[in-house]
Protein backbone atom coordinates (compact mmCIF):
# COMPACT_ATOMS: atom_id res chain seq x y z
CA MET A 1 85.93 102.81 151.99
CA ARG A 2 89.23 102.11 153.72
CA HIS A 3 90.01 104.46 156.59
CA LEU A 4 93.36 103.21 157.88
CA ARG A 5 96.12 105.08 156.07
CA VAL A 6 99.77 104.06 155.76
CA CYS A 7 102.19 106.72 154.54
CA ILE A 8 105.23 105.66 152.52
CA TYR A 9 107.80 108.45 152.48
CA GLY A 10 111.29 108.61 151.07
CA GLY A 11 113.71 109.34 148.26
CA LEU A 12 113.11 110.79 144.83
CA GLU A 13 115.66 109.00 142.68
CA TRP A 14 115.63 105.23 143.01
CA ASP A 15 117.55 102.57 141.20
CA LYS A 16 115.88 99.25 140.52
CA VAL A 17 116.41 97.66 143.93
CA PRO A 18 114.70 100.21 146.22
CA ALA A 19 112.01 100.92 143.60
CA ALA A 20 111.13 97.23 143.36
CA PHE A 21 110.98 96.97 147.14
CA VAL A 22 108.73 100.04 147.54
CA ALA A 23 106.38 98.77 144.81
CA ALA A 24 106.25 95.35 146.46
CA LEU A 25 105.60 96.96 149.85
CA ALA A 26 102.65 99.02 148.60
CA ASN A 27 101.27 95.96 146.84
CA LYS A 28 101.57 93.81 149.97
CA ILE A 29 100.01 96.44 152.21
CA VAL A 30 96.87 96.98 150.15
CA GLY A 31 96.60 93.26 149.45
CA SER A 32 96.69 92.10 153.06
CA ILE A 33 95.68 95.00 155.31
CA PRO A 34 92.51 97.14 155.10
CA ALA A 35 94.56 100.25 154.49
CA VAL A 36 95.17 102.89 151.84
CA ILE A 37 98.63 104.08 150.80
CA VAL A 38 99.36 107.79 151.29
CA THR A 39 102.29 109.61 149.67
CA GLY A 40 103.31 113.16 148.85
CA GLY A 41 102.37 112.60 145.22
CA VAL A 42 105.72 113.27 143.52
CA HIS A 43 106.28 111.55 140.17
CA HIS A 44 109.84 112.85 139.78
CA PRO A 45 111.96 116.01 139.97
CA LYS A 46 111.30 118.33 137.04
CA GLU A 47 114.94 118.24 136.02
CA LYS A 48 115.09 114.42 136.09
CA PRO A 49 112.04 113.05 134.27
CA LYS A 50 113.42 109.49 134.21
CA ALA A 51 113.92 109.34 137.98
CA VAL A 52 111.68 106.97 139.95
CA SER A 53 110.43 108.41 143.23
CA THR A 54 109.21 106.53 146.29
CA ASP A 55 105.72 107.87 145.55
CA ALA A 56 105.79 106.63 141.94
CA ALA A 57 107.07 103.20 142.96
CA ALA A 58 104.32 102.91 145.59
CA LEU A 59 101.73 103.96 142.99
CA GLU A 60 102.97 101.21 140.68
CA GLY A 61 102.58 98.60 143.43
CA ALA A 62 99.10 99.71 144.42
CA ARG A 63 98.00 99.92 140.78
CA ARG A 64 99.26 96.40 140.13
CA TYR A 65 97.06 95.09 142.94
CA THR A 66 93.94 96.96 141.83
CA LYS A 67 94.32 95.87 138.21
CA GLN A 68 94.75 92.23 139.15
CA ASN A 69 91.78 92.33 141.50
CA LYS A 70 89.52 94.71 139.54
CA LYS A 71 89.46 97.33 142.30
CA ASP A 72 89.24 101.12 142.15
CA LEU A 73 92.73 102.59 142.65
CA ARG A 74 91.17 105.64 144.32
CA ASP A 75 90.25 103.45 147.30
CA TYR A 76 93.82 102.21 147.71
CA TYR A 77 96.13 105.14 146.99
CA GLU A 78 96.01 108.82 147.97
CA ALA A 79 98.42 111.54 146.86
CA TRP A 80 98.45 114.39 149.38
CA ILE A 81 99.87 117.27 147.38
CA PRO A 82 100.61 120.88 148.38
CA ASP A 83 98.57 123.89 147.32
CA PRO A 84 99.96 124.64 143.82
CA LEU A 85 100.56 128.25 144.86
CA LEU A 86 102.76 127.09 147.74
CA ASP A 87 104.49 124.14 146.07
CA GLY A 88 108.20 124.52 145.63
CA ARG A 89 110.98 121.99 146.22
CA PRO A 90 113.83 124.26 145.07
CA ASP A 91 116.21 121.60 146.39
CA ILE A 92 115.29 119.36 143.43
CA GLY A 93 114.45 122.03 140.88
CA GLY A 94 110.72 121.60 141.40
CA ALA A 95 108.54 118.49 141.42
CA VAL A 96 106.13 116.96 138.92
CA ARG A 97 103.10 116.03 141.02
CA MET A 98 100.46 113.38 140.51
CA THR A 99 97.02 114.32 139.21
CA LYS A 100 93.62 112.64 139.02
CA GLU A 101 94.63 111.37 135.60
CA ASP A 102 96.88 108.89 137.39
CA GLY A 103 93.72 107.19 138.64
CA SER A 104 94.32 107.67 142.35
CA THR A 105 92.70 109.97 144.89
CA VAL A 106 94.41 113.38 144.96
CA ARG A 107 94.01 115.52 148.06
CA VAL A 108 95.19 119.13 147.82
CA ILE A 109 96.25 120.46 151.22
CA ALA A 110 95.20 124.05 150.63
CA GLY A 111 96.61 127.01 152.50
CA ARG A 112 99.45 125.09 154.15
CA THR A 113 103.16 125.74 153.85
CA ALA A 114 105.35 122.89 152.62
CA LEU A 115 106.11 122.06 156.24
CA GLY A 116 102.45 122.31 157.24
CA ARG A 117 101.46 119.89 154.49
CA ARG A 118 104.01 117.31 155.68
CA LEU A 119 102.86 117.64 159.27
CA ALA A 120 99.20 117.29 158.23
CA MET A 121 100.03 114.18 156.21
CA VAL A 122 101.74 112.50 159.16
CA ALA A 123 98.93 113.44 161.54
CA GLY A 124 96.37 111.98 159.12
CA VAL A 125 97.74 108.44 158.96
CA ALA A 126 97.98 105.43 161.26
CA MET A 127 101.52 104.48 160.24
CA VAL A 128 104.53 105.98 158.45
CA VAL A 129 107.20 103.91 156.69
CA THR A 130 110.29 105.77 155.46
CA ILE A 131 113.07 104.59 153.17
CA ALA A 132 116.24 106.62 152.66
CA GLY A 133 115.20 110.27 152.18
CA ARG A 134 117.03 113.46 153.04
CA GLN A 135 116.28 116.89 154.44
CA HIS A 136 112.55 116.44 155.12
CA THR A 137 112.52 112.85 156.38
CA GLU A 138 113.75 113.91 159.80
CA VAL A 139 110.71 116.16 160.24
CA VAL A 140 108.36 113.35 159.21
CA VAL A 141 109.89 110.77 161.54
CA GLU A 142 110.17 113.09 164.53
CA HIS A 143 106.60 114.35 164.12
CA ALA A 144 105.31 110.77 163.98
CA LEU A 145 107.21 109.90 167.15
CA GLU A 146 105.82 112.92 168.97
CA LEU A 147 102.27 111.97 167.96
CA GLY A 148 102.74 108.34 168.97
CA ILE A 149 102.37 107.11 165.38
CA PRO A 150 104.45 104.00 164.60
CA VAL A 151 107.23 104.85 162.14
CA PRO A 152 109.74 102.24 161.00
CA PRO A 153 112.58 103.74 158.93
CA ILE A 154 113.99 101.16 156.48
CA PRO A 155 117.78 101.64 156.64
CA ASP A 156 119.00 99.57 153.70
CA ALA A 157 119.01 102.40 151.15
CA GLY A 158 120.90 104.69 153.54
CA GLY A 159 119.95 108.36 153.78
CA ASP A 160 118.20 109.92 156.76
CA SER A 161 116.17 106.78 157.45
CA ARG A 162 119.30 104.91 158.54
CA ASP A 163 120.51 107.79 160.69
CA LEU A 164 117.10 108.31 162.31
CA LEU A 165 116.70 104.61 163.05
CA ASN A 166 119.99 104.64 164.94
CA LYS A 167 119.16 107.88 166.73
CA TYR A 168 115.67 106.90 167.89
CA TRP A 169 115.93 103.10 167.94
CA GLN A 170 114.20 102.51 171.27
CA ARG A 171 111.34 104.96 170.65
CA ILE A 172 110.77 103.46 167.22
CA ALA A 173 110.92 99.88 168.54
CA ASP A 174 108.40 100.73 171.28
CA GLY A 175 105.79 101.32 168.56
CA PHE A 176 105.65 97.56 167.87
CA ASP A 177 105.56 94.25 169.69
CA PRO A 178 108.79 93.44 171.56
CA GLY A 179 111.51 92.27 169.18
CA ALA A 180 109.37 92.82 166.09
CA LEU A 181 111.39 95.71 164.66
CA GLU A 182 114.71 93.90 164.93
CA THR A 183 113.28 90.75 163.35
CA CYS A 184 111.75 92.71 160.48
CA LEU A 185 114.86 94.70 159.63
CA GLY A 186 117.02 91.58 159.70
CA GLU A 187 114.72 89.88 157.20
CA VAL A 188 114.57 92.99 155.00
CA SER A 189 118.37 93.28 154.85
CA LYS A 190 118.67 89.67 153.72
CA ALA A 191 115.99 89.88 151.03
CA ILE A 192 115.67 93.45 149.71
CA GLU A 193 118.04 93.02 146.75
CA LYS A 194 117.13 89.56 145.46
CA ALA A 195 113.65 89.02 146.88
CA PRO A 196 111.84 92.36 147.35
CA GLU A 197 108.50 90.58 147.82
CA THR A 198 109.92 88.69 150.80
CA ALA A 199 111.36 91.91 152.23
CA ALA A 200 108.01 93.65 151.79
CA ALA A 201 106.21 90.79 153.55
CA ALA A 202 108.52 91.25 156.54
CA VAL A 203 107.49 94.90 156.80
CA VAL A 204 103.81 93.99 156.57
CA ASN A 205 104.31 91.49 159.41
CA LEU A 206 105.85 94.30 161.45
CA ILE A 207 102.94 96.60 160.64
CA ARG A 208 100.52 94.01 161.99
CA THR A 209 102.12 94.38 165.44
CA ALA A 210 101.96 98.19 165.48
CA ASN A 211 100.66 100.01 168.52
CA THR A 212 98.54 102.40 166.48
CA PRO A 213 96.41 105.20 167.98
CA GLY A 214 93.36 103.60 166.35
CA PRO A 215 92.51 100.01 165.34
CA ARG A 216 95.31 97.45 165.05
CA LEU A 217 96.40 96.86 161.47
CA ARG A 218 96.00 93.10 161.69
CA GLY A 219 92.96 92.38 159.54
CA CYS A 220 93.07 91.03 156.01
CA ALA A 221 91.53 92.82 153.06
């Protein structure tokens, strides 16, 4: 069973470019690092059933790897969802969450507020990667920084990730080998639109240099 967890956190309504990048990133992570992807388990906003969330794109990438390699998706992807009695998201009209029928592991964070569930998710992983996002991304990034958990925001889709990267650049960069963050983001910016697999590989290379609280994320699966 994989114990190193990498959280991918971000927006809820992607077009093809960010969605392809997130899927490629999840695929690259589980294919080259002994880690499991963690997300908040949102398929899409209730009012926008055709929207593609970060969580759904990451699920697609992890599922693609497990199908090709005849692995159990439950060992590679975890959806950490709120207690149904406390789940809300009025800002998006409610969220359609993932279930066990999706084939992944589903962890219900019982008895926690929406904020408490996000904080627990960050505290339970070795790394957080954010892309775009709004409103709640700031809490996720700042909590990771306070806990000493490496957290590279990917700025190319805009949103809070870009703003937070600029605001906390040095603290974020200190979570990786010297110069690694700048190199990664330069490669991502060049490749994210036309070569999402190449952009995803750049992020995985960055992850390998992370100063994680536990084991280094360098090993191959």
